[in-house]
Amino acid sequence: MTAIYLPVADPGVLGIATQWNDEAIRAGKVGYTIITNTSTGFVKTGRRLLGKGALRMHPSNERLFVMIHGDDTLSANSFEVSATRDSGEDKSYTPKTLARHLHKEGLSTALTDLRLAVCNGGRADDVGDSFASIFKAWMAHFGYRNLTVYGYVGNVRSNRVQLNDGSWVKYARVAHIDTSGNQVDEFYRLKDQRVAF
C-alpha cells in the first residue's frame, strides 16, 4: 500500500495527489492510498493522545510520499514547506517541525522509504544542504534510523509529459537561466530527479 500523505489538506495538493492516483489506475497499476490530515488544535492533540495518529496504520515496509508545497522558484532552497488549510490559513513546516509532525502522527520508526514530493526538496543550497537532507537528520533524531529520504530537484508536477523517447511520465520541471539571461524550462522523469539521503 504505497500512500500519499498530506500534512495539511490543501485543495491544490489534494488535486495533485488525486491526479497521481487516477493516472496510476489508468496505467493499470495499484492506486495510492491518500491520507489527509484535516484536524487542528485540540482535536488533533486529543486524537494523537488516544493513539489515533493519521499515519499509525501505514506499514513500515511500504513507500510513503509526503506531499506539500515547496519552493518552485530558481532561488536556493527556502528550508520551509507550506500548505493552505480550507480556512485560508497557511501552515508552514521546517525540516524539524515536519519530522516532529510525522512522528506525532504515529509513523512507524521502522519505515525505510519516504519520498518528499515537494518542489525542490532535494535541491542543495550553497553549502550542500537541502530540505530533504536536513529533514532526514531530524527524522533520525526522532528514531528513524533506517529511513532513506528522497527529495526531488525541480518542480514536482501532477500531470504527465511526453519525453523525446515517446514515453509519458510523471515529471519534474527544472528551470535555469541561459547565457542570454532567459529562463529555460527542461523536463525530466521525476524518478531521474530524485536524490537519496
C-alpha atoms as a PDB file:
ATOM      1  CA  MET A   1       0.000   0.000   0.000  1.00  0.00           C
ATOM      2  CA  THR A   2       2.011   2.969  -1.231  1.00  0.00           C
ATOM      3  CA  ALA A   3       0.445   6.036   0.318  1.00  0.00           C
ATOM      4  CA  ILE A   4       0.488   9.773  -0.229  1.00  0.00           C
ATOM      5  CA  TYR A   5       0.236  11.764   2.995  1.00  0.00           C
ATOM      6  CA  LEU A   6      -0.879  15.391   3.051  1.00  0.00           C
ATOM      7  CA  PRO A   7       0.097  17.010   6.386  1.00  0.00           C
ATOM      8  CA  VAL A   8      -2.418  19.750   5.537  1.00  0.00           C
ATOM      9  CA  ALA A   9      -5.499  19.077   3.420  1.00  0.00           C
ATOM     10  CA  ASP A  10      -4.579  21.809   0.914  1.00  0.00           C
ATOM     11  CA  PRO A  11      -7.028  21.638  -2.033  1.00  0.00           C
ATOM     12  CA  GLY A  12      -4.258  22.198  -4.600  1.00  0.00           C
ATOM     13  CA  VAL A  13      -2.029  19.486  -3.143  1.00  0.00           C
ATOM     14  CA  LEU A  14      -5.020  17.151  -2.819  1.00  0.00           C
ATOM     15  CA  GLY A  15      -5.666  17.724  -6.534  1.00  0.00           C
ATOM     16  CA  ILE A  16      -2.097  16.672  -7.353  1.00  0.00           C
ATOM     17  CA  ALA A  17      -2.365  13.557  -5.170  1.00  0.00           C
ATOM     18  CA  THR A  18      -5.698  12.644  -6.751  1.00  0.00           C
ATOM     19  CA  GLN A  19      -4.244  13.065 -10.234  1.00  0.00           C
ATOM     20  CA  TRP A  20      -1.273  10.818  -9.370  1.00  0.00           C
ATOM     21  CA  ASN A  21      -3.731   8.206  -8.099  1.00  0.00           C
ATOM     22  CA  ASP A  22      -6.008   8.435 -11.150  1.00  0.00           C
ATOM     23  CA  GLU A  23      -3.049   8.134 -13.539  1.00  0.00           C
ATOM     24  CA  ALA A  24      -1.700   5.084 -11.704  1.00  0.00           C
ATOM     25  CA  ILE A  25      -5.071   3.359 -12.017  1.00  0.00           C
ATOM     26  CA  ARG A  26      -5.373   4.316 -15.707  1.00  0.00           C
ATOM     27  CA  ALA A  27      -1.931   2.794 -16.276  1.00  0.00           C
ATOM     28  CA  GLY A  28      -3.128  -0.481 -14.738  1.00  0.00           C
ATOM     29  CA  LYS A  29      -1.146  -0.013 -11.524  1.00  0.00           C
ATOM     30  CA  VAL A  30      -2.381  -0.185  -7.965  1.00  0.00           C
ATOM     31  CA  GLY A  31      -3.630   3.230  -6.873  1.00  0.00           C
ATOM     32  CA  TYR A  32      -2.236   5.195  -3.963  1.00  0.00           C
ATOM     33  CA  THR A  33      -3.902   5.435  -0.597  1.00  0.00           C
ATOM     34  CA  ILE A  34      -4.335   9.175   0.028  1.00  0.00           C
ATOM     35  CA  ILE A  35      -4.159  10.140   3.694  1.00  0.00           C
ATOM     36  CA  THR A  36      -5.173  13.694   4.580  1.00  0.00           C
ATOM     37  CA  ASN A  37      -4.896  15.458   7.894  1.00  0.00           C
ATOM     38  CA  THR A  38      -7.872  17.739   8.453  1.00  0.00           C
ATOM     39  CA  SER A  39      -7.808  18.146  12.231  1.00  0.00           C
ATOM     40  CA  THR A  40      -6.192  21.067  14.051  1.00  0.00           C
ATOM     41  CA  GLY A  41      -5.662  22.306  17.594  1.00  0.00           C
ATOM     42  CA  PHE A  42      -7.265  20.402  20.477  1.00  0.00           C
ATOM     43  CA  VAL A  43      -8.918  17.878  18.166  1.00  0.00           C
ATOM     44  CA  LYS A  44      -5.553  16.907  16.655  1.00  0.00           C
ATOM     45  CA  THR A  45      -3.891  16.773  20.082  1.00  0.00           C
ATOM     46  CA  GLY A  46      -6.678  14.612  21.509  1.00  0.00           C
ATOM     47  CA  ARG A  47      -6.622  12.268  18.520  1.00  0.00           C
ATOM     48  CA  ARG A  48      -2.873  11.789  18.879  1.00  0.00           C
ATOM     49  CA  LEU A  49      -3.093  11.237  22.666  1.00  0.00           C
ATOM     50  CA  LEU A  50      -5.608   8.467  22.024  1.00  0.00           C
ATOM     51  CA  GLY A  51      -3.160   6.779  19.644  1.00  0.00           C
ATOM     52  CA  LYS A  52      -5.154   7.754  16.567  1.00  0.00           C
ATOM     53  CA  GLY A  53      -2.383   9.412  14.570  1.00  0.00           C
ATOM     54  CA  ALA A  54      -3.083   9.719  10.854  1.00  0.00           C
ATOM     55  CA  LEU A  55      -0.052   7.563   9.963  1.00  0.00           C
ATOM     56  CA  ARG A  56      -0.352   4.858  12.615  1.00  0.00           C
ATOM     57  CA  MET A  57      -1.647   2.274  10.133  1.00  0.00           C
ATOM     58  CA  HIS A  58       0.920   2.870   7.372  1.00  0.00           C
ATOM     59  CA  PRO A  59       3.013  -0.324   7.017  1.00  0.00           C
ATOM     60  CA  SER A  60       6.715   0.208   7.681  1.00  0.00           C
ATOM     61  CA  ASN A  61       7.675  -1.840   4.605  1.00  0.00           C
ATOM     62  CA  GLU A  62       5.683   0.336   2.196  1.00  0.00           C
ATOM     63  CA  ARG A  63       6.719   3.585   0.484  1.00  0.00           C
ATOM     64  CA  LEU A  64       5.262   6.839   1.806  1.00  0.00           C
ATOM     65  CA  PHE A  65       5.077  10.038  -0.236  1.00  0.00           C
ATOM     66  CA  VAL A  66       4.705  13.228   1.804  1.00  0.00           C
ATOM     67  CA  MET A  67       3.179  15.865  -0.442  1.00  0.00           C
ATOM     68  CA  ILE A  68       3.226  19.580   0.375  1.00  0.00           C
ATOM     69  CA  HIS A  69       4.266  22.785  -1.421  1.00  0.00           C
ATOM     70  CA  GLY A  70       7.971  23.581  -1.628  1.00  0.00           C
ATOM     71  CA  ASP A  71       9.989  26.286  -3.339  1.00  0.00           C
ATOM     72  CA  ASP A  72       9.191  26.436  -7.063  1.00  0.00           C
ATOM     73  CA  THR A  73      11.492  29.345  -7.861  1.00  0.00           C
ATOM     74  CA  LEU A  74      15.062  29.491  -9.089  1.00  0.00           C
ATOM     75  CA  SER A  75      16.292  30.581  -5.658  1.00  0.00           C
ATOM     76  CA  ALA A  76      18.163  28.406  -3.200  1.00  0.00           C
ATOM     77  CA  ASN A  77      16.054  26.129  -1.042  1.00  0.00           C
ATOM     78  CA  SER A  78      13.959  28.057   1.458  1.00  0.00           C
ATOM     79  CA  PHE A  79      14.035  25.258   4.068  1.00  0.00           C
ATOM     80  CA  GLU A  80      10.324  25.735   4.651  1.00  0.00           C
ATOM     81  CA  VAL A  81       7.374  23.961   3.074  1.00  0.00           C
ATOM     82  CA  SER A  82       3.758  25.010   3.382  1.00  0.00           C
ATOM     83  CA  ALA A  83       0.135  24.422   2.507  1.00  0.00           C
ATOM     84  CA  THR A  84      -3.140  26.271   2.932  1.00  0.00           C
ATOM     85  CA  ARG A  85      -5.947  24.935   5.087  1.00  0.00           C
ATOM     86  CA  ASP A  86      -9.586  25.134   3.963  1.00  0.00           C
ATOM     87  CA  SER A  87      -9.946  28.140   6.281  1.00  0.00           C
ATOM     88  CA  GLY A  88      -7.357  30.009   4.190  1.00  0.00           C
ATOM     89  CA  GLU A  89      -4.747  29.822   6.954  1.00  0.00           C
ATOM     90  CA  ASP A  90      -1.218  28.939   5.833  1.00  0.00           C
ATOM     91  CA  LYS A  91       0.619  26.198   7.704  1.00  0.00           C
ATOM     92  CA  SER A  92       4.408  26.054   7.321  1.00  0.00           C
ATOM     93  CA  TYR A  93       6.902  23.404   8.342  1.00  0.00           C
ATOM     94  CA  THR A  94      10.664  23.454   8.752  1.00  0.00           C
ATOM     95  CA  PRO A  95      12.521  20.142   8.396  1.00  0.00           C
ATOM     96  CA  LYS A  96      12.389  19.774  12.191  1.00  0.00           C
ATOM     97  CA  THR A  97       8.686  20.559  12.577  1.00  0.00           C
ATOM     98  CA  LEU A  98       7.696  18.293   9.668  1.00  0.00           C
ATOM     99  CA  ALA A  99       9.714  15.418  11.174  1.00  0.00           C
ATOM    100  CA  ARG A 100       8.081  16.014  14.567  1.00  0.00           C
ATOM    101  CA  HIS A 101       4.645  16.141  12.914  1.00  0.00           C
ATOM    102  CA  LEU A 102       5.117  12.763  11.177  1.00  0.00           C
ATOM    103  CA  HIS A 103       6.390  11.202  14.402  1.00  0.00           C
ATOM    104  CA  LYS A 104       3.416  12.533  16.393  1.00  0.00           C
ATOM    105  CA  GLU A 105       1.050  11.195  13.726  1.00  0.00           C
ATOM    106  CA  GLY A 106       2.249   7.695  14.593  1.00  0.00           C
ATOM    107  CA  LEU A 107       4.564   6.936  11.666  1.00  0.00           C
ATOM    108  CA  SER A 108       6.452   3.716  12.409  1.00  0.00           C
ATOM    109  CA  THR A 109      10.135   4.243  13.210  1.00  0.00           C
ATOM    110  CA  ALA A 110      10.789   1.083  11.151  1.00  0.00           C
ATOM    111  CA  LEU A 111       9.819   2.884   7.906  1.00  0.00           C
ATOM    112  CA  THR A 112      12.590   2.648   5.289  1.00  0.00           C
ATOM    113  CA  ASP A 113      11.324   4.625   2.233  1.00  0.00           C
ATOM    114  CA  LEU A 114       9.947   8.170   2.498  1.00  0.00           C
ATOM    115  CA  ARG A 115       9.685  10.424  -0.551  1.00  0.00           C
ATOM    116  CA  LEU A 116       9.188  14.148  -0.162  1.00  0.00           C
ATOM    117  CA  ALA A 117       7.017  15.083  -3.142  1.00  0.00           C
ATOM    118  CA  VAL A 118       7.984  18.701  -2.583  1.00  0.00           C
ATOM    119  CA  CYS A 119       9.156  21.138  -5.249  1.00  0.00           C
ATOM    120  CA  ASN A 120      12.941  21.439  -4.956  1.00  0.00           C
ATOM    121  CA  GLY A 121      13.053  19.462  -1.698  1.00  0.00           C
ATOM    122  CA  GLY A 122      16.256  17.786  -2.916  1.00  0.00           C
ATOM    123  CA  ARG A 123      17.932  20.920  -4.283  1.00  0.00           C
ATOM    124  CA  ALA A 124      21.104  21.731  -2.368  1.00  0.00           C
ATOM    125  CA  ASP A 125      21.922  25.246  -1.219  1.00  0.00           C
ATOM    126  CA  ASP A 126      25.375  26.863  -1.381  1.00  0.00           C
ATOM    127  CA  VAL A 127      26.749  24.670   1.428  1.00  0.00           C
ATOM    128  CA  GLY A 128      25.195  21.441   0.140  1.00  0.00           C
ATOM    129  CA  ASP A 129      22.156  21.228   2.399  1.00  0.00           C
ATOM    130  CA  SER A 130      18.637  20.612   1.138  1.00  0.00           C
ATOM    131  CA  PHE A 131      15.266  20.456   2.845  1.00  0.00           C
ATOM    132  CA  ALA A 132      15.347  16.657   2.405  1.00  0.00           C
ATOM    133  CA  SER A 133      18.843  16.215   3.885  1.00  0.00           C
ATOM    134  CA  ILE A 134      18.053  18.312   6.959  1.00  0.00           C
ATOM    135  CA  PHE A 135      14.665  16.581   7.308  1.00  0.00           C
ATOM    136  CA  LYS A 136      16.435  13.183   7.195  1.00  0.00           C
ATOM    137  CA  ALA A 137      18.709  14.255  10.070  1.00  0.00           C
ATOM    138  CA  TRP A 138      15.683  15.279  12.132  1.00  0.00           C
ATOM    139  CA  MET A 139      13.906  12.008  11.348  1.00  0.00           C
ATOM    140  CA  ALA A 140      16.976  10.155  12.694  1.00  0.00           C
ATOM    141  CA  HIS A 141      16.763  12.335  15.821  1.00  0.00           C
ATOM    142  CA  PHE A 142      13.183  11.086  16.329  1.00  0.00           C
ATOM    143  CA  GLY A 143      14.287   7.445  15.995  1.00  0.00           C
ATOM    144  CA  TYR A 144      14.006   6.743  12.247  1.00  0.00           C
ATOM    145  CA  ARG A 145      17.462   5.200  11.918  1.00  0.00           C
ATOM    146  CA  ASN A 146      16.942   3.033   8.807  1.00  0.00           C
ATOM    147  CA  LEU A 147      14.972   5.578   6.807  1.00  0.00           C
ATOM    148  CA  THR A 148      16.021   6.664   3.329  1.00  0.00           C
ATOM    149  CA  VAL A 149      14.541  10.056   2.443  1.00  0.00           C
ATOM    150  CA  TYR A 150      14.229  11.036  -1.209  1.00  0.00           C
ATOM    151  CA  GLY A 151      13.954  14.643  -2.324  1.00  0.00           C
ATOM    152  CA  TYR A 152      13.431  15.950  -5.846  1.00  0.00           C
ATOM    153  CA  VAL A 153      15.282  18.606  -7.827  1.00  0.00           C
ATOM    154  CA  GLY A 154      12.816  20.702  -9.795  1.00  0.00           C
ATOM    155  CA  ASN A 155       9.107  21.318  -9.618  1.00  0.00           C
ATOM    156  CA  VAL A 156       7.142  18.155  -8.939  1.00  0.00           C
ATOM    157  CA  ARG A 157       4.199  18.108 -11.345  1.00  0.00           C
ATOM    158  CA  SER A 158       0.869  16.317 -11.219  1.00  0.00           C
ATOM    159  CA  ASN A 159       0.325  15.636 -14.889  1.00  0.00           C
ATOM    160  CA  ARG A 160       2.420  13.635 -17.307  1.00  0.00           C
ATOM    161  CA  VAL A 161       4.608  14.868 -20.132  1.00  0.00           C
ATOM    162  CA  GLN A 162       5.735  13.044 -23.259  1.00  0.00           C
ATOM    163  CA  LEU A 163       9.508  12.760 -23.461  1.00  0.00           C
ATOM    164  CA  ASN A 164      11.605  12.551 -26.636  1.00  0.00           C
ATOM    165  CA  ASP A 165      11.536   8.745 -26.421  1.00  0.00           C
ATOM    166  CA  GLY A 166       7.720   8.852 -26.697  1.00  0.00           C
ATOM    167  CA  SER A 167       7.025   7.756 -23.124  1.00  0.00           C
ATOM    168  CA  TRP A 168       4.525   9.566 -20.901  1.00  0.00           C
ATOM    169  CA  VAL A 169       5.913  10.052 -17.402  1.00  0.00           C
ATOM    170  CA  LYS A 170       5.436  11.970 -14.169  1.00  0.00           C
ATOM    171  CA  TYR A 171       7.937  14.743 -14.437  1.00  0.00           C
ATOM    172  CA  ALA A 172       9.901  17.483 -12.772  1.00  0.00           C
ATOM    173  CA  ARG A 173      10.336  20.869 -14.407  1.00  0.00           C
ATOM    174  CA  VAL A 174      13.799  22.287 -13.842  1.00  0.00           C
ATOM    175  CA  ALA A 175      14.195  25.945 -14.682  1.00  0.00           C
ATOM    176  CA  HIS A 176      17.528  27.657 -15.187  1.00  0.00           C
ATOM    177  CA  ILE A 177      18.826  30.887 -16.677  1.00  0.00           C
ATOM    178  CA  ASP A 178      20.635  30.534 -20.012  1.00  0.00           C
ATOM    179  CA  THR A 179      23.617  32.609 -21.152  1.00  0.00           C
ATOM    180  CA  SER A 180      21.258  35.258 -22.592  1.00  0.00           C
ATOM    181  CA  GLY A 181      19.525  35.725 -19.253  1.00  0.00           C
ATOM    182  CA  ASN A 182      16.326  33.928 -20.289  1.00  0.00           C
ATOM    183  CA  GLN A 183      14.583  31.335 -18.155  1.00  0.00           C
ATOM    184  CA  VAL A 184      14.638  27.929 -19.819  1.00  0.00           C
ATOM    185  CA  ASP A 185      12.462  25.038 -18.646  1.00  0.00           C
ATOM    186  CA  GLU A 186      13.657  21.474 -19.040  1.00  0.00           C
ATOM    187  CA  PHE A 187      11.564  18.405 -18.301  1.00  0.00           C
ATOM    188  CA  TYR A 188      12.878  15.207 -16.733  1.00  0.00           C
ATOM    189  CA  ARG A 189      11.428  11.950 -15.479  1.00  0.00           C
ATOM    190  CA  LEU A 190      10.536  12.561 -11.866  1.00  0.00           C
ATOM    191  CA  LYS A 191      12.472   9.497 -10.746  1.00  0.00           C
ATOM    192  CA  ASP A 192      15.591  10.811 -12.535  1.00  0.00           C
ATOM    193  CA  GLN A 193      15.452  13.979 -10.423  1.00  0.00           C
ATOM    194  CA  ARG A 194      15.301  12.013  -7.171  1.00  0.00           C
ATOM    195  CA  VAL A 195      18.121  12.435  -4.649  1.00  0.00           C
ATOM    196  CA  ALA A 196      18.535   9.931  -1.792  1.00  0.00           C
ATOM    197  CA  PHE A 197      19.601  10.907   1.714  1.00  0.00           C
END
